[in-house]
Amino acid sequence: MRVVDIAHGRSGDKGDTCNVGLVAWDDEGYRILRREVTEERVAAHFGDLVKGTVTRYEMPGIKALNFVLTRALDGGGTLSLRSDHLGKVMYAWLLRMEIEGPG
């Protein structure tokens, strides 16, 4: 399965840092997100696009995970030549991550 099967997301920038939020549709989805979508897996998923750190914050009250990706936007804003220099679609890339389902 993929993250998109159990969650939706949103992302955006603060300079060269990108915030990527995932919100599970239900409690089971949140349990799977917490188990499967780790800092290490997110860093590996984005590969060379993220040159800094990946930090995960849990928000159980809204069944969400927030990832802060540093040095992730090639300078960000007007400095970057990337098509997504503001990180607005980074969440869509993370929604495509393959994960293990319930179990």
N, C-alpha and C. Protein backbone atom coordinates (compact mmCIF):
# COMPACT_ATOMS: atom_id res chain seq x y z
N MET A 1 0.84 -1.18 0.00
CA MET A 1 0.00 0.00 0.00
C MET A 1 0.88 1.24 0.00
N ARG A 2 0.28 2.36 -0.20
CA ARG A 2 0.98 3.65 -0.17
C ARG A 2 0.38 4.54 0.92
N VAL A 3 1.14 5.55 1.31
CA VAL A 3 0.66 6.48 2.32
C VAL A 3 -0.67 7.10 1.90
N VAL A 4 -0.85 7.38 0.64
CA VAL A 4 -2.08 8.01 0.14
C VAL A 4 -3.32 7.18 0.45
N ASP A 5 -3.16 5.88 0.67
CA ASP A 5 -4.30 5.02 0.98
C ASP A 5 -4.87 5.26 2.38
N ILE A 6 -4.07 5.90 3.25
CA ILE A 6 -4.52 6.08 4.64
C ILE A 6 -4.44 7.52 5.13
N ALA A 7 -3.95 8.44 4.28
CA ALA A 7 -3.75 9.82 4.76
C ALA A 7 -3.81 10.81 3.61
N HIS A 8 -3.92 12.06 4.00
CA HIS A 8 -3.77 13.17 3.05
C HIS A 8 -2.66 14.06 3.59
N GLY A 9 -2.25 15.07 2.83
CA GLY A 9 -1.12 15.86 3.28
C GLY A 9 -1.14 17.29 2.79
N ARG A 10 -0.11 17.99 3.24
CA ARG A 10 0.08 19.40 2.87
C ARG A 10 1.54 19.73 3.14
N SER A 11 2.08 20.64 2.36
CA SER A 11 3.48 21.03 2.57
C SER A 11 3.70 22.48 2.15
N GLY A 12 4.81 23.03 2.60
CA GLY A 12 5.18 24.40 2.26
C GLY A 12 6.54 24.73 2.80
N ASP A 13 6.98 25.95 2.52
CA ASP A 13 8.36 26.32 2.81
C ASP A 13 8.49 27.39 3.88
N LYS A 14 9.67 27.42 4.43
CA LYS A 14 10.20 28.53 5.23
C LYS A 14 11.66 28.64 4.80
N GLY A 15 11.89 29.42 3.77
CA GLY A 15 13.25 29.52 3.23
C GLY A 15 13.65 28.22 2.57
N ASP A 16 14.75 27.63 3.03
CA ASP A 16 15.25 26.39 2.47
C ASP A 16 14.77 25.18 3.27
N THR A 17 13.82 25.39 4.17
CA THR A 17 13.25 24.32 4.98
C THR A 17 11.83 24.04 4.51
N CYS A 18 11.49 22.76 4.43
CA CYS A 18 10.16 22.37 3.99
C CYS A 18 9.45 21.62 5.12
N ASN A 19 8.20 21.98 5.38
CA ASN A 19 7.34 21.25 6.31
C ASN A 19 6.42 20.38 5.48
N VAL A 20 6.37 19.09 5.83
CA VAL A 20 5.46 18.16 5.16
C VAL A 20 4.59 17.52 6.22
N GLY A 21 3.29 17.75 6.12
CA GLY A 21 2.35 17.18 7.08
C GLY A 21 1.53 16.07 6.46
N LEU A 22 1.34 15.00 7.23
CA LEU A 22 0.48 13.89 6.84
C LEU A 22 -0.61 13.76 7.90
N VAL A 23 -1.85 13.64 7.46
CA VAL A 23 -2.97 13.50 8.39
C VAL A 23 -3.72 12.22 8.02
N ALA A 24 -3.76 11.28 8.97
CA ALA A 24 -4.44 10.01 8.74
C ALA A 24 -5.95 10.20 8.74
N TRP A 25 -6.62 9.35 7.98
CA TRP A 25 -8.08 9.41 7.92
C TRP A 25 -8.72 8.84 9.18
N ASP A 26 -8.01 7.93 9.87
CA ASP A 26 -8.60 7.29 11.05
C ASP A 26 -7.50 6.81 12.00
N ASP A 27 -7.90 6.25 13.14
CA ASP A 27 -6.93 5.82 14.15
C ASP A 27 -5.99 4.73 13.64
N GLU A 28 -6.53 3.75 12.91
CA GLU A 28 -5.69 2.68 12.37
C GLU A 28 -4.65 3.26 11.40
N GLY A 29 -5.07 4.18 10.56
CA GLY A 29 -4.14 4.83 9.65
C GLY A 29 -3.04 5.57 10.39
N TYR A 30 -3.39 6.23 11.48
CA TYR A 30 -2.38 6.94 12.27
C TYR A 30 -1.39 5.96 12.89
N ARG A 31 -1.87 4.81 13.36
CA ARG A 31 -0.95 3.80 13.91
C ARG A 31 0.03 3.32 12.83
N ILE A 32 -0.48 3.13 11.63
CA ILE A 32 0.38 2.69 10.53
C ILE A 32 1.39 3.79 10.18
N LEU A 33 0.92 5.02 10.09
CA LEU A 33 1.84 6.13 9.80
C LEU A 33 2.96 6.18 10.82
N ARG A 34 2.61 6.11 12.09
CA ARG A 34 3.63 6.19 13.15
C ARG A 34 4.64 5.06 13.03
N ARG A 35 4.18 3.88 12.67
CA ARG A 35 5.07 2.73 12.55
C ARG A 35 5.94 2.79 11.29
N GLU A 36 5.36 3.20 10.17
CA GLU A 36 6.01 3.07 8.88
C GLU A 36 6.75 4.31 8.38
N VAL A 37 6.24 5.49 8.71
CA VAL A 37 6.80 6.71 8.12
C VAL A 37 7.74 7.35 9.14
N THR A 38 8.94 6.82 9.18
CA THR A 38 9.96 7.25 10.13
C THR A 38 10.84 8.34 9.50
N GLU A 39 11.62 8.99 10.33
CA GLU A 39 12.57 9.99 9.82
C GLU A 39 13.52 9.37 8.80
N GLU A 40 13.99 8.18 9.11
CA GLU A 40 14.94 7.51 8.22
C GLU A 40 14.32 7.15 6.88
N ARG A 41 13.09 6.66 6.92
CA ARG A 41 12.42 6.29 5.66
C ARG A 41 12.09 7.51 4.83
N VAL A 42 11.69 8.61 5.49
CA VAL A 42 11.39 9.84 4.74
C VAL A 42 12.68 10.38 4.10
N ALA A 43 13.77 10.38 4.84
CA ALA A 43 15.06 10.83 4.29
C ALA A 43 15.44 9.98 3.08
N ALA A 44 15.29 8.67 3.19
CA ALA A 44 15.62 7.78 2.07
C ALA A 44 14.69 8.02 0.89
N HIS A 45 13.41 8.26 1.17
CA HIS A 45 12.42 8.47 0.12
C HIS A 45 12.75 9.72 -0.71
N PHE A 46 13.14 10.78 -0.05
CA PHE A 46 13.47 12.02 -0.77
C PHE A 46 14.88 12.02 -1.33
N GLY A 47 15.75 11.17 -0.79
CA GLY A 47 17.10 11.02 -1.33
C GLY A 47 17.87 12.32 -1.35
N ASP A 48 18.50 12.60 -2.48
CA ASP A 48 19.37 13.77 -2.63
C ASP A 48 18.62 15.10 -2.63
N LEU A 49 17.30 15.08 -2.69
CA LEU A 49 16.55 16.34 -2.65
C LEU A 49 16.68 17.01 -1.29
N VAL A 50 16.83 16.22 -0.24
CA VAL A 50 16.98 16.77 1.12
C VAL A 50 18.44 16.60 1.53
N LYS A 51 19.13 17.71 1.64
CA LYS A 51 20.55 17.67 1.96
C LYS A 51 20.81 17.84 3.45
N GLY A 52 19.79 18.18 4.21
CA GLY A 52 19.93 18.38 5.65
C GLY A 52 19.27 17.26 6.44
N THR A 53 18.61 17.65 7.52
CA THR A 53 18.01 16.70 8.44
C THR A 53 16.52 16.52 8.17
N VAL A 54 15.99 15.41 8.69
CA VAL A 54 14.55 15.14 8.69
C VAL A 54 14.16 14.93 10.14
N THR A 55 13.24 15.76 10.63
CA THR A 55 12.76 15.64 12.01
C THR A 55 11.25 15.42 11.98
N ARG A 56 10.79 14.42 12.74
CA ARG A 56 9.36 14.09 12.79
C ARG A 56 8.75 14.58 14.09
N TYR A 57 7.58 15.19 13.98
CA TYR A 57 6.79 15.61 15.13
C TYR A 57 5.44 14.91 15.06
N GLU A 58 5.01 14.34 16.17
CA GLU A 58 3.73 13.64 16.23
C GLU A 58 2.66 14.53 16.83
N MET A 59 1.48 14.51 16.24
CA MET A 59 0.33 15.26 16.72
C MET A 59 -0.85 14.31 16.83
N PRO A 60 -0.88 13.49 17.90
CA PRO A 60 -1.91 12.45 18.01
C PRO A 60 -3.33 13.00 18.08
N GLY A 61 -3.52 14.18 18.60
CA GLY A 61 -4.86 14.75 18.71
C GLY A 61 -5.55 14.94 17.37
N ILE A 62 -4.76 15.15 16.33
CA ILE A 62 -5.34 15.31 14.99
C ILE A 62 -4.86 14.20 14.04
N LYS A 63 -4.27 13.14 14.62
CA LYS A 63 -3.81 11.97 13.85
C LYS A 63 -2.83 12.38 12.74
N ALA A 64 -1.86 13.21 13.11
CA ALA A 64 -0.96 13.77 12.10
C ALA A 64 0.51 13.61 12.47
N LEU A 65 1.33 13.58 11.44
CA LEU A 65 2.78 13.65 11.58
C LEU A 65 3.24 14.86 10.78
N ASN A 66 4.18 15.62 11.33
CA ASN A 66 4.78 16.74 10.62
C ASN A 66 6.27 16.47 10.50
N PHE A 67 6.77 16.60 9.29
CA PHE A 67 8.19 16.42 9.04
C PHE A 67 8.80 17.74 8.64
N VAL A 68 9.91 18.08 9.28
CA VAL A 68 10.66 19.29 8.95
C VAL A 68 11.92 18.84 8.23
N LEU A 69 12.04 19.24 6.99
CA LEU A 69 13.16 18.85 6.13
C LEU A 69 14.05 20.07 5.91
N THR A 70 15.27 20.04 6.44
CA THR A 70 16.17 21.18 6.28
C THR A 70 17.01 21.01 5.02
N ARG A 71 17.40 22.17 4.47
CA ARG A 71 18.19 22.19 3.23
C ARG A 71 17.51 21.33 2.16
N ALA A 72 16.20 21.53 2.02
CA ALA A 72 15.39 20.67 1.16
C ALA A 72 14.90 21.34 -0.11
N LEU A 73 15.14 22.64 -0.27
CA LEU A 73 14.54 23.34 -1.41
C LEU A 73 15.58 24.05 -2.28
N ASP A 74 16.79 23.56 -2.25
CA ASP A 74 17.86 24.11 -3.10
C ASP A 74 18.00 25.62 -2.92
N GLY A 75 17.92 26.06 -1.68
CA GLY A 75 18.00 27.48 -1.38
C GLY A 75 16.64 28.11 -1.16
N GLY A 76 15.60 27.56 -1.76
CA GLY A 76 14.23 28.04 -1.59
C GLY A 76 13.96 29.33 -2.34
N GLY A 77 12.67 29.61 -2.49
CA GLY A 77 12.21 30.86 -3.09
C GLY A 77 12.90 31.23 -4.38
N THR A 78 13.40 32.43 -4.44
CA THR A 78 14.01 32.95 -5.67
C THR A 78 15.41 32.40 -5.93
N LEU A 79 15.99 31.70 -4.96
CA LEU A 79 17.33 31.15 -5.15
C LEU A 79 17.33 29.82 -5.89
N SER A 80 16.22 29.12 -5.86
CA SER A 80 16.15 27.76 -6.39
C SER A 80 15.71 27.75 -7.84
N LEU A 81 16.28 26.82 -8.60
CA LEU A 81 15.85 26.60 -9.98
C LEU A 81 14.90 25.41 -10.09
N ARG A 82 14.54 24.81 -8.98
CA ARG A 82 13.61 23.69 -8.99
C ARG A 82 12.22 24.16 -9.39
N SER A 83 11.46 23.26 -10.00
CA SER A 83 10.10 23.62 -10.38
C SER A 83 9.21 23.82 -9.16
N ASP A 84 9.52 23.13 -8.05
CA ASP A 84 8.75 23.29 -6.81
C ASP A 84 9.62 23.96 -5.76
N HIS A 85 10.05 25.16 -6.04
CA HIS A 85 10.99 25.87 -5.15
C HIS A 85 10.37 26.28 -3.82
N LEU A 86 9.04 26.22 -3.70
CA LEU A 86 8.37 26.54 -2.44
C LEU A 86 7.91 25.30 -1.69
N GLY A 87 8.19 24.12 -2.21
CA GLY A 87 7.86 22.88 -1.52
C GLY A 87 6.38 22.58 -1.42
N LYS A 88 5.57 23.17 -2.28
CA LYS A 88 4.12 23.01 -2.17
C LYS A 88 3.62 21.63 -2.56
N VAL A 89 4.41 20.86 -3.30
CA VAL A 89 3.97 19.52 -3.69
C VAL A 89 4.85 18.41 -3.10
N MET A 90 5.69 18.75 -2.14
CA MET A 90 6.51 17.72 -1.50
C MET A 90 5.63 16.69 -0.80
N TYR A 91 4.47 17.11 -0.30
CA TYR A 91 3.57 16.16 0.35
C TYR A 91 3.12 15.09 -0.63
N ALA A 92 2.87 15.47 -1.89
CA ALA A 92 2.40 14.50 -2.88
C ALA A 92 3.45 13.42 -3.12
N TRP A 93 4.71 13.81 -3.10
CA TRP A 93 5.78 12.84 -3.26
C TRP A 93 5.77 11.87 -2.07
N LEU A 94 5.56 12.39 -0.86
CA LEU A 94 5.54 11.53 0.32
C LEU A 94 4.31 10.62 0.33
N LEU A 95 3.19 11.09 -0.20
CA LEU A 95 2.00 10.25 -0.27
C LEU A 95 2.22 9.02 -1.15
N ARG A 96 3.19 9.08 -2.04
CA ARG A 96 3.49 7.95 -2.94
C ARG A 96 4.38 6.90 -2.29
N MET A 97 4.90 7.16 -1.09
CA MET A 97 5.78 6.20 -0.42
C MET A 97 5.04 4.89 -0.18
N GLU A 98 5.69 3.79 -0.50
CA GLU A 98 5.12 2.47 -0.24
C GLU A 98 5.39 2.08 1.21
N ILE A 99 4.35 1.54 1.86
CA ILE A 99 4.44 1.15 3.26
C ILE A 99 3.74 -0.20 3.46
N GLU A 100 4.01 -0.81 4.60
CA GLU A 100 3.30 -2.04 4.98
C GLU A 100 1.95 -1.65 5.57
N GLY A 101 0.95 -2.44 5.30
CA GLY A 101 -0.39 -2.18 5.81
C GLY A 101 -0.57 -2.68 7.23
N PRO A 102 -1.82 -2.88 7.63
CA PRO A 102 -2.11 -3.34 8.99
C PRO A 102 -1.39 -4.65 9.29
N GLY A 103 -1.01 -4.78 10.56
CA GLY A 103 -0.35 -6.03 10.90
C GLY A 103 0.41 -6.00 12.18
